[in-house]
Amino acid sequence: MTALWLGGMAKAQQGDPVTAIKLWKKLEALLPPGSDSQQEIQGLLANIQSEAPQTAAQPEPSPQANVPSVAIDVYVSLAPELQKSASPSDTVFIYAQALSGPKMPLAIVRKQVSDLPLSVSLNDTMSMMPNMKLSNFPNVKLLARISNPVMPYLSLAI
């Protein structure tokens, strides 16, 4: 509940009243009816809706809005000199990361060494967090890592 409240506050301060309203409405539904906390959230909702009434009346996005707007096609193969070091059952993580900003992957795919070589398409539906999407960042770097007990992380060239 604290995360919903704080998230709504952050979005309101960032000038994103639509998201703030969505977060606070979720929080409002979780709070005991008539409680001081629920009344406080209702006050925040009334305030933000009065400041931006046109945003509060916007319809929910259509299912078509969930179609990825950005996709990066990636081909990954294992260099011959690394094939001796990797087992076919080792996990391969292929991901995009912001050039500047958080190091959390913006889109990620998990495969096995036995799947290599392969082509994947990274997009917003592969995001680990809803607000950390590939389409939110103009510049990204592409990485592939093999995780195995002997070499916890072996970088691959993409």
N, C-alpha and C. Protein backbone atom coordinates (compact mmCIF):
# COMPACT_ATOMS: atom_id res chain seq x y z
N MET A 1 0.82 -1.19 0.00
CA MET A 1 0.00 0.00 0.00
C MET A 1 0.87 1.26 0.00
N THR A 2 1.97 1.19 0.71
CA THR A 2 2.88 2.34 0.73
C THR A 2 3.43 2.60 -0.67
N ALA A 3 3.74 1.52 -1.39
CA ALA A 3 4.28 1.67 -2.74
C ALA A 3 3.26 2.35 -3.67
N LEU A 4 1.99 2.00 -3.54
CA LEU A 4 0.97 2.63 -4.36
C LEU A 4 0.85 4.12 -4.03
N TRP A 5 0.90 4.45 -2.74
CA TRP A 5 0.80 5.85 -2.33
C TRP A 5 2.00 6.63 -2.85
N LEU A 6 3.21 6.11 -2.61
CA LEU A 6 4.42 6.79 -3.05
C LEU A 6 4.50 6.87 -4.58
N GLY A 7 4.12 5.79 -5.24
CA GLY A 7 4.11 5.80 -6.71
C GLY A 7 3.18 6.86 -7.26
N GLY A 8 2.00 6.99 -6.65
CA GLY A 8 1.05 8.03 -7.07
C GLY A 8 1.61 9.42 -6.84
N MET A 9 2.27 9.62 -5.70
CA MET A 9 2.88 10.92 -5.40
C MET A 9 3.96 11.24 -6.44
N ALA A 10 4.80 10.26 -6.74
CA ALA A 10 5.89 10.48 -7.70
C ALA A 10 5.32 10.84 -9.07
N LYS A 11 4.30 10.09 -9.51
CA LYS A 11 3.71 10.35 -10.82
C LYS A 11 3.03 11.72 -10.87
N ALA A 12 2.38 12.10 -9.78
CA ALA A 12 1.75 13.42 -9.74
C ALA A 12 2.81 14.52 -9.83
N GLN A 13 3.92 14.35 -9.15
CA GLN A 13 5.00 15.34 -9.18
C GLN A 13 5.69 15.37 -10.54
N GLN A 14 5.70 14.25 -11.25
CA GLN A 14 6.32 14.18 -12.57
C GLN A 14 5.39 14.69 -13.67
N GLY A 15 4.17 15.09 -13.29
CA GLY A 15 3.22 15.58 -14.28
C GLY A 15 2.49 14.49 -15.03
N ASP A 16 2.34 13.32 -14.41
CA ASP A 16 1.63 12.20 -15.01
C ASP A 16 0.40 11.89 -14.16
N PRO A 17 -0.64 12.75 -14.23
CA PRO A 17 -1.80 12.55 -13.37
C PRO A 17 -2.59 11.28 -13.68
N VAL A 18 -2.56 10.82 -14.92
CA VAL A 18 -3.31 9.61 -15.29
C VAL A 18 -2.79 8.41 -14.50
N THR A 19 -1.48 8.24 -14.47
CA THR A 19 -0.89 7.12 -13.73
C THR A 19 -1.09 7.30 -12.23
N ALA A 20 -0.96 8.54 -11.75
CA ALA A 20 -1.17 8.81 -10.32
C ALA A 20 -2.58 8.41 -9.92
N ILE A 21 -3.54 8.75 -10.74
CA ILE A 21 -4.95 8.42 -10.44
C ILE A 21 -5.13 6.90 -10.41
N LYS A 22 -4.56 6.20 -11.38
CA LYS A 22 -4.69 4.74 -11.42
C LYS A 22 -4.12 4.10 -10.16
N LEU A 23 -2.92 4.56 -9.75
CA LEU A 23 -2.29 3.99 -8.55
C LEU A 23 -3.12 4.28 -7.31
N TRP A 24 -3.58 5.51 -7.18
CA TRP A 24 -4.34 5.88 -5.98
C TRP A 24 -5.71 5.21 -5.95
N LYS A 25 -6.31 4.95 -7.11
CA LYS A 25 -7.59 4.24 -7.11
C LYS A 25 -7.41 2.79 -6.66
N LYS A 26 -6.29 2.18 -7.06
CA LYS A 26 -5.98 0.83 -6.56
C LYS A 26 -5.83 0.84 -5.05
N LEU A 27 -5.11 1.85 -4.55
CA LEU A 27 -4.90 1.97 -3.12
C LEU A 27 -6.22 2.22 -2.40
N GLU A 28 -7.06 3.07 -2.95
CA GLU A 28 -8.35 3.39 -2.33
C GLU A 28 -9.18 2.12 -2.14
N ALA A 29 -9.15 1.22 -3.11
CA ALA A 29 -9.92 -0.02 -3.03
C ALA A 29 -9.39 -0.96 -1.94
N LEU A 30 -8.10 -0.84 -1.59
CA LEU A 30 -7.50 -1.72 -0.59
C LEU A 30 -7.72 -1.23 0.85
N LEU A 31 -8.01 0.05 0.99
CA LEU A 31 -8.14 0.64 2.33
C LEU A 31 -9.51 0.37 2.93
N PRO A 32 -9.59 0.29 4.27
CA PRO A 32 -10.89 0.07 4.92
C PRO A 32 -11.84 1.22 4.59
N PRO A 33 -13.08 0.90 4.22
CA PRO A 33 -14.06 1.93 3.87
C PRO A 33 -14.26 2.92 5.02
N GLY A 34 -14.23 4.21 4.68
CA GLY A 34 -14.46 5.26 5.67
C GLY A 34 -13.27 5.57 6.56
N SER A 35 -12.16 4.87 6.40
CA SER A 35 -10.99 5.11 7.25
C SER A 35 -10.36 6.46 6.91
N ASP A 36 -9.56 6.98 7.85
CA ASP A 36 -8.86 8.24 7.62
C ASP A 36 -7.96 8.14 6.39
N SER A 37 -7.30 6.99 6.24
CA SER A 37 -6.41 6.80 5.10
C SER A 37 -7.17 6.85 3.78
N GLN A 38 -8.33 6.20 3.76
CA GLN A 38 -9.12 6.20 2.53
C GLN A 38 -9.62 7.61 2.23
N GLN A 39 -10.01 8.35 3.25
CA GLN A 39 -10.47 9.73 3.05
C GLN A 39 -9.34 10.61 2.53
N GLU A 40 -8.12 10.37 3.03
CA GLU A 40 -6.97 11.14 2.56
C GLU A 40 -6.72 10.87 1.08
N ILE A 41 -6.78 9.59 0.69
CA ILE A 41 -6.58 9.23 -0.73
C ILE A 41 -7.70 9.83 -1.58
N GLN A 42 -8.92 9.80 -1.10
CA GLN A 42 -10.03 10.39 -1.85
C GLN A 42 -9.82 11.89 -2.04
N GLY A 43 -9.24 12.54 -1.03
CA GLY A 43 -8.92 13.96 -1.16
C GLY A 43 -7.85 14.20 -2.21
N LEU A 44 -6.82 13.35 -2.22
CA LEU A 44 -5.77 13.47 -3.23
C LEU A 44 -6.35 13.25 -4.63
N LEU A 45 -7.22 12.26 -4.75
CA LEU A 45 -7.85 11.97 -6.05
C LEU A 45 -8.70 13.15 -6.51
N ALA A 46 -9.49 13.71 -5.59
CA ALA A 46 -10.34 14.85 -5.94
C ALA A 46 -9.49 16.03 -6.37
N ASN A 47 -8.38 16.24 -5.67
CA ASN A 47 -7.49 17.36 -5.98
C ASN A 47 -6.87 17.21 -7.36
N ILE A 48 -6.33 16.05 -7.64
CA ILE A 48 -5.65 15.84 -8.93
C ILE A 48 -6.66 15.81 -10.08
N GLN A 49 -7.87 15.31 -9.82
CA GLN A 49 -8.88 15.28 -10.87
C GLN A 49 -9.41 16.67 -11.16
N SER A 50 -9.46 17.54 -10.14
CA SER A 50 -9.92 18.91 -10.37
C SER A 50 -8.87 19.72 -11.11
N GLU A 51 -7.59 19.40 -10.90
CA GLU A 51 -6.51 20.10 -11.59
C GLU A 51 -6.41 19.67 -13.05
N ALA A 52 -6.71 18.41 -13.32
CA ALA A 52 -6.60 17.88 -14.69
C ALA A 52 -7.83 17.03 -15.01
N PRO A 53 -9.03 17.66 -15.07
CA PRO A 53 -10.25 16.86 -15.29
C PRO A 53 -10.27 16.11 -16.62
N GLN A 54 -9.60 16.65 -17.63
CA GLN A 54 -9.61 15.97 -18.92
C GLN A 54 -8.85 14.65 -18.87
N THR A 55 -7.85 14.53 -18.01
CA THR A 55 -7.09 13.28 -17.94
C THR A 55 -7.85 12.21 -17.18
N ALA A 56 -8.68 12.61 -16.23
CA ALA A 56 -9.41 11.63 -15.44
C ALA A 56 -10.48 10.93 -16.27
N ALA A 57 -10.96 11.59 -17.31
CA ALA A 57 -12.03 11.00 -18.11
C ALA A 57 -11.51 10.20 -19.30
N GLN A 58 -10.20 10.07 -19.43
CA GLN A 58 -9.66 9.32 -20.56
C GLN A 58 -10.03 7.85 -20.45
N PRO A 59 -10.41 7.24 -21.57
CA PRO A 59 -10.75 5.82 -21.53
C PRO A 59 -9.52 4.96 -21.31
N GLU A 60 -9.77 3.76 -20.84
CA GLU A 60 -8.68 2.78 -20.68
C GLU A 60 -8.12 2.44 -22.05
N PRO A 61 -6.83 2.16 -22.15
CA PRO A 61 -6.27 1.80 -23.45
C PRO A 61 -6.91 0.54 -24.01
N SER A 62 -7.04 0.53 -25.31
CA SER A 62 -7.63 -0.64 -25.95
C SER A 62 -6.61 -1.79 -25.94
N PRO A 63 -7.07 -3.03 -26.14
CA PRO A 63 -6.13 -4.14 -26.18
C PRO A 63 -5.04 -3.95 -27.22
N GLN A 64 -5.35 -3.20 -28.28
CA GLN A 64 -4.36 -2.95 -29.31
C GLN A 64 -3.19 -2.13 -28.77
N ALA A 65 -3.42 -1.36 -27.69
CA ALA A 65 -2.36 -0.53 -27.10
C ALA A 65 -1.28 -1.40 -26.46
N ASN A 66 -1.54 -2.68 -26.23
CA ASN A 66 -0.55 -3.57 -25.62
C ASN A 66 0.43 -4.14 -26.64
N VAL A 67 0.26 -3.78 -27.91
CA VAL A 67 1.18 -4.25 -28.94
C VAL A 67 2.50 -3.52 -28.74
N PRO A 68 3.61 -4.24 -28.74
CA PRO A 68 4.90 -3.58 -28.52
C PRO A 68 5.16 -2.49 -29.55
N SER A 69 5.57 -1.31 -29.07
CA SER A 69 5.83 -0.21 -29.98
C SER A 69 7.27 -0.19 -30.46
N VAL A 70 8.15 -0.80 -29.70
CA VAL A 70 9.57 -0.85 -30.04
C VAL A 70 10.02 -2.30 -29.96
N ALA A 71 10.78 -2.74 -30.95
CA ALA A 71 11.34 -4.09 -30.92
C ALA A 71 12.74 -4.05 -31.52
N ILE A 72 13.63 -4.79 -30.89
CA ILE A 72 15.00 -4.90 -31.39
C ILE A 72 15.26 -6.37 -31.68
N ASP A 73 15.57 -6.66 -32.94
CA ASP A 73 15.89 -8.03 -33.34
C ASP A 73 17.38 -8.27 -33.10
N VAL A 74 17.68 -9.38 -32.43
CA VAL A 74 19.05 -9.69 -32.03
C VAL A 74 19.40 -11.11 -32.47
N TYR A 75 20.59 -11.28 -33.02
CA TYR A 75 21.10 -12.60 -33.36
C TYR A 75 22.26 -12.88 -32.42
N VAL A 76 22.22 -14.02 -31.72
CA VAL A 76 23.25 -14.37 -30.74
C VAL A 76 23.84 -15.72 -31.10
N SER A 77 25.17 -15.76 -31.12
CA SER A 77 25.88 -17.03 -31.33
C SER A 77 27.05 -17.07 -30.36
N LEU A 78 27.55 -18.26 -30.15
CA LEU A 78 28.67 -18.47 -29.23
C LEU A 78 29.96 -18.61 -30.03
N ALA A 79 30.95 -17.80 -29.67
CA ALA A 79 32.24 -17.86 -30.35
C ALA A 79 32.85 -19.24 -30.15
N PRO A 80 33.53 -19.79 -31.18
CA PRO A 80 34.11 -21.14 -31.08
C PRO A 80 35.03 -21.31 -29.87
N GLU A 81 35.81 -20.30 -29.53
CA GLU A 81 36.74 -20.42 -28.40
C GLU A 81 36.02 -20.49 -27.05
N LEU A 82 34.75 -20.10 -27.00
CA LEU A 82 33.98 -20.16 -25.76
C LEU A 82 33.14 -21.43 -25.64
N GLN A 83 32.99 -22.16 -26.72
CA GLN A 83 32.14 -23.35 -26.70
C GLN A 83 32.65 -24.41 -25.74
N LYS A 84 33.96 -24.50 -25.55
CA LYS A 84 34.53 -25.48 -24.60
C LYS A 84 34.20 -25.12 -23.16
N SER A 85 33.99 -23.84 -22.89
CA SER A 85 33.76 -23.36 -21.54
C SER A 85 32.30 -23.43 -21.11
N ALA A 86 31.40 -23.60 -22.06
CA ALA A 86 29.98 -23.57 -21.75
C ALA A 86 29.34 -24.95 -21.95
N SER A 87 28.45 -25.28 -21.06
CA SER A 87 27.69 -26.53 -21.16
C SER A 87 26.37 -26.24 -21.89
N PRO A 88 25.85 -27.21 -22.66
CA PRO A 88 24.58 -26.98 -23.37
C PRO A 88 23.42 -26.60 -22.44
N SER A 89 23.49 -27.00 -21.18
CA SER A 89 22.39 -26.69 -20.25
C SER A 89 22.57 -25.36 -19.52
N ASP A 90 23.69 -24.67 -19.74
CA ASP A 90 23.90 -23.36 -19.11
C ASP A 90 22.85 -22.37 -19.59
N THR A 91 22.48 -21.46 -18.72
CA THR A 91 21.48 -20.45 -19.04
C THR A 91 22.12 -19.27 -19.75
N VAL A 92 21.44 -18.77 -20.78
CA VAL A 92 21.87 -17.59 -21.52
C VAL A 92 20.81 -16.51 -21.30
N PHE A 93 21.25 -15.34 -20.85
CA PHE A 93 20.36 -14.19 -20.71
C PHE A 93 20.71 -13.20 -21.81
N ILE A 94 19.71 -12.83 -22.60
CA ILE A 94 19.87 -11.85 -23.67
C ILE A 94 19.00 -10.67 -23.28
N TYR A 95 19.62 -9.48 -23.20
CA TYR A 95 18.85 -8.35 -22.69
C TYR A 95 19.35 -7.01 -23.21
N ALA A 96 18.46 -6.02 -23.07
CA ALA A 96 18.78 -4.64 -23.40
C ALA A 96 18.86 -3.86 -22.09
N GLN A 97 19.82 -2.96 -22.04
CA GLN A 97 20.06 -2.16 -20.84
C GLN A 97 20.22 -0.70 -21.28
N ALA A 98 19.71 0.23 -20.48
CA ALA A 98 19.85 1.65 -20.80
C ALA A 98 21.32 2.05 -20.79
N LEU A 99 21.71 2.87 -21.76
CA LEU A 99 23.09 3.36 -21.78
C LEU A 99 23.37 4.25 -20.58
N SER A 100 22.41 5.09 -20.26
CA SER A 100 22.55 5.91 -19.05
C SER A 100 21.28 5.73 -18.24
N GLY A 101 21.47 5.51 -16.97
CA GLY A 101 20.33 5.26 -16.11
C GLY A 101 20.49 3.95 -15.37
N PRO A 102 19.37 3.34 -15.00
CA PRO A 102 19.42 2.12 -14.21
C PRO A 102 20.03 0.95 -14.98
N LYS A 103 20.66 0.06 -14.26
CA LYS A 103 21.31 -1.10 -14.88
C LYS A 103 20.34 -2.28 -15.05
N MET A 104 19.13 -2.15 -14.53
CA MET A 104 18.14 -3.22 -14.66
C MET A 104 17.81 -3.45 -16.13
N PRO A 105 17.70 -4.70 -16.56
CA PRO A 105 17.34 -4.97 -17.95
C PRO A 105 15.98 -4.36 -18.31
N LEU A 106 15.91 -3.76 -19.49
CA LEU A 106 14.67 -3.17 -19.97
C LEU A 106 13.81 -4.21 -20.69
N ALA A 107 14.46 -5.20 -21.27
CA ALA A 107 13.79 -6.34 -21.91
C ALA A 107 14.77 -7.49 -21.82
N ILE A 108 14.26 -8.68 -21.47
CA ILE A 108 15.17 -9.81 -21.25
C ILE A 108 14.54 -11.11 -21.73
N VAL A 109 15.40 -11.98 -22.26
CA VAL A 109 14.99 -13.32 -22.70
C VAL A 109 15.94 -14.32 -22.05
N ARG A 110 15.40 -15.44 -21.61
CA ARG A 110 16.21 -16.49 -20.99
C ARG A 110 16.17 -17.73 -21.90
N LYS A 111 17.34 -18.18 -22.29
CA LYS A 111 17.47 -19.37 -23.15
C LYS A 111 18.58 -20.26 -22.59
N GLN A 112 18.93 -21.31 -23.33
CA GLN A 112 20.04 -22.18 -22.95
C GLN A 112 21.10 -22.16 -24.06
N VAL A 113 22.32 -22.50 -23.69
CA VAL A 113 23.41 -22.55 -24.66
C VAL A 113 23.04 -23.47 -25.82
N SER A 114 22.33 -24.55 -25.54
CA SER A 114 21.93 -25.49 -26.60
C SER A 114 21.02 -24.84 -27.64
N ASP A 115 20.40 -23.69 -27.30
CA ASP A 115 19.54 -22.98 -28.25
C ASP A 115 20.33 -22.12 -29.23
N LEU A 116 21.61 -21.89 -28.94
CA LEU A 116 22.44 -21.02 -29.77
C LEU A 116 22.90 -21.74 -31.03
N PRO A 117 23.05 -21.04 -32.14
CA PRO A 117 22.73 -19.64 -32.36
C PRO A 117 21.22 -19.44 -32.48
N LEU A 118 20.77 -18.22 -32.17
CA LEU A 118 19.34 -17.94 -32.25
C LEU A 118 19.10 -16.46 -32.48
N SER A 119 17.91 -16.17 -32.95
CA SER A 119 17.45 -14.79 -33.13
C SER A 119 16.30 -14.57 -32.16
N VAL A 120 16.30 -13.44 -31.50
CA VAL A 120 15.21 -13.06 -30.61
C VAL A 120 14.83 -11.62 -30.90
N SER A 121 13.63 -11.28 -30.52
CA SER A 121 13.15 -9.91 -30.65
C SER A 121 12.84 -9.39 -29.26
N LEU A 122 13.57 -8.38 -28.82
CA LEU A 122 13.35 -7.78 -27.51
C LEU A 122 12.34 -6.64 -27.66
N ASN A 123 11.32 -6.59 -26.75
CA ASN A 123 10.31 -5.54 -26.84
C ASN A 123 9.77 -5.22 -25.44
N ASP A 124 8.84 -4.29 -25.38
CA ASP A 124 8.29 -3.82 -24.10
C ASP A 124 7.58 -4.91 -23.30
N THR A 125 7.07 -5.94 -23.95
CA THR A 125 6.37 -6.99 -23.22
C THR A 125 7.32 -7.83 -22.39
N MET A 126 8.63 -7.68 -22.62
CA MET A 126 9.64 -8.46 -21.90
C MET A 126 10.25 -7.66 -20.75
N SER A 127 9.62 -6.57 -20.40
CA SER A 127 10.09 -5.70 -19.32
C SER A 127 9.93 -6.37 -17.97
N MET A 128 10.88 -6.13 -17.07
CA MET A 128 10.80 -6.68 -15.73
C MET A 128 9.91 -5.83 -14.83
N MET A 129 9.77 -4.56 -15.15
CA MET A 129 8.91 -3.64 -14.40
C MET A 129 8.13 -2.80 -15.39
N PRO A 130 6.85 -2.54 -15.09
CA PRO A 130 6.01 -1.82 -16.04
C PRO A 130 6.52 -0.44 -16.44
N ASN A 131 7.20 0.25 -15.54
CA ASN A 131 7.68 1.59 -15.86
C ASN A 131 9.09 1.60 -16.44
N MET A 132 9.70 0.45 -16.58
CA MET A 132 11.06 0.34 -17.13
C MET A 132 11.00 -0.39 -18.47
N LYS A 133 10.46 0.29 -19.46
CA LYS A 133 10.27 -0.32 -20.77
C LYS A 133 11.35 0.12 -21.75
N LEU A 134 11.60 -0.71 -22.70
CA LEU A 134 12.56 -0.45 -23.76
C LEU A 134 12.22 0.84 -24.49
N SER A 135 10.94 1.08 -24.73
CA SER A 135 10.52 2.26 -25.48
C SER A 135 10.72 3.55 -24.71
N ASN A 136 11.01 3.49 -23.42
CA ASN A 136 11.22 4.70 -22.62
C ASN A 136 12.64 5.24 -22.73
N PHE A 137 13.54 4.51 -23.38
CA PHE A 137 14.95 4.90 -23.43
C PHE A 137 15.41 5.00 -24.88
N PRO A 138 15.98 6.17 -25.26
CA PRO A 138 16.40 6.34 -26.66
C PRO A 138 17.64 5.55 -27.04
N ASN A 139 18.52 5.28 -26.06
CA ASN A 139 19.76 4.56 -26.35
C ASN A 139 19.91 3.39 -25.40
N VAL A 140 20.17 2.23 -25.98
CA VAL A 140 20.35 1.03 -25.16
C VAL A 140 21.57 0.26 -25.64
N LYS A 141 22.08 -0.60 -24.77
CA LYS A 141 23.12 -1.53 -25.19
C LYS A 141 22.55 -2.93 -25.08
N LEU A 142 23.01 -3.80 -25.94
CA LEU A 142 22.54 -5.18 -25.98
C LEU A 142 23.62 -6.07 -25.38
N LEU A 143 23.19 -6.99 -24.52
CA LEU A 143 24.12 -7.87 -23.85
C LEU A 143 23.59 -9.29 -23.86
N ALA A 144 24.51 -10.23 -23.80
CA ALA A 144 24.16 -11.64 -23.61
C ALA A 144 25.15 -12.19 -22.59
N ARG A 145 24.64 -12.95 -21.64
CA ARG A 145 25.50 -13.53 -20.60
C ARG A 145 25.14 -14.99 -20.41
N ILE A 146 26.17 -15.77 -20.18
CA ILE A 146 25.98 -17.18 -19.85
C ILE A 146 26.20 -17.32 -18.36
N SER A 147 25.30 -17.99 -17.71
CA SER A 147 25.42 -18.23 -16.28
C SER A 147 25.67 -19.72 -16.07
N ASN A 148 26.82 -20.04 -15.48
CA ASN A 148 27.10 -21.43 -15.11
C ASN A 148 27.92 -21.43 -13.83
N PRO A 149 27.99 -22.56 -13.12
CA PRO A 149 28.68 -22.60 -11.84
C PRO A 149 30.17 -22.27 -11.92
N VAL A 150 30.83 -22.62 -13.02
CA VAL A 150 32.26 -22.39 -13.13
C VAL A 150 32.54 -20.93 -13.45
N MET A 151 31.81 -20.39 -14.41
CA MET A 151 31.94 -18.99 -14.80
C MET A 151 30.59 -18.33 -14.57
N PRO A 152 30.37 -17.69 -13.42
CA PRO A 152 29.05 -17.15 -13.12
C PRO A 152 28.49 -16.27 -14.22
N TYR A 153 29.28 -15.44 -14.83
CA TYR A 153 28.79 -14.62 -15.93
C TYR A 153 29.86 -14.49 -16.99
N LEU A 154 29.57 -15.00 -18.16
CA LEU A 154 30.47 -14.95 -19.30
C LEU A 154 29.78 -14.08 -20.34
N SER A 155 30.37 -12.97 -20.70
CA SER A 155 29.76 -12.05 -21.67
C SER A 155 29.96 -12.58 -23.08
N LEU A 156 28.96 -12.35 -23.89
CA LEU A 156 29.01 -12.72 -25.30
C LEU A 156 28.91 -11.46 -26.15
N ALA A 157 29.48 -11.51 -27.31
CA ALA A 157 29.32 -10.41 -28.25
C ALA A 157 28.04 -10.63 -29.04
N ILE A 158 27.29 -9.57 -29.20
CA ILE A 158 26.05 -9.66 -29.97
C ILE A 158 26.26 -8.92 -31.28
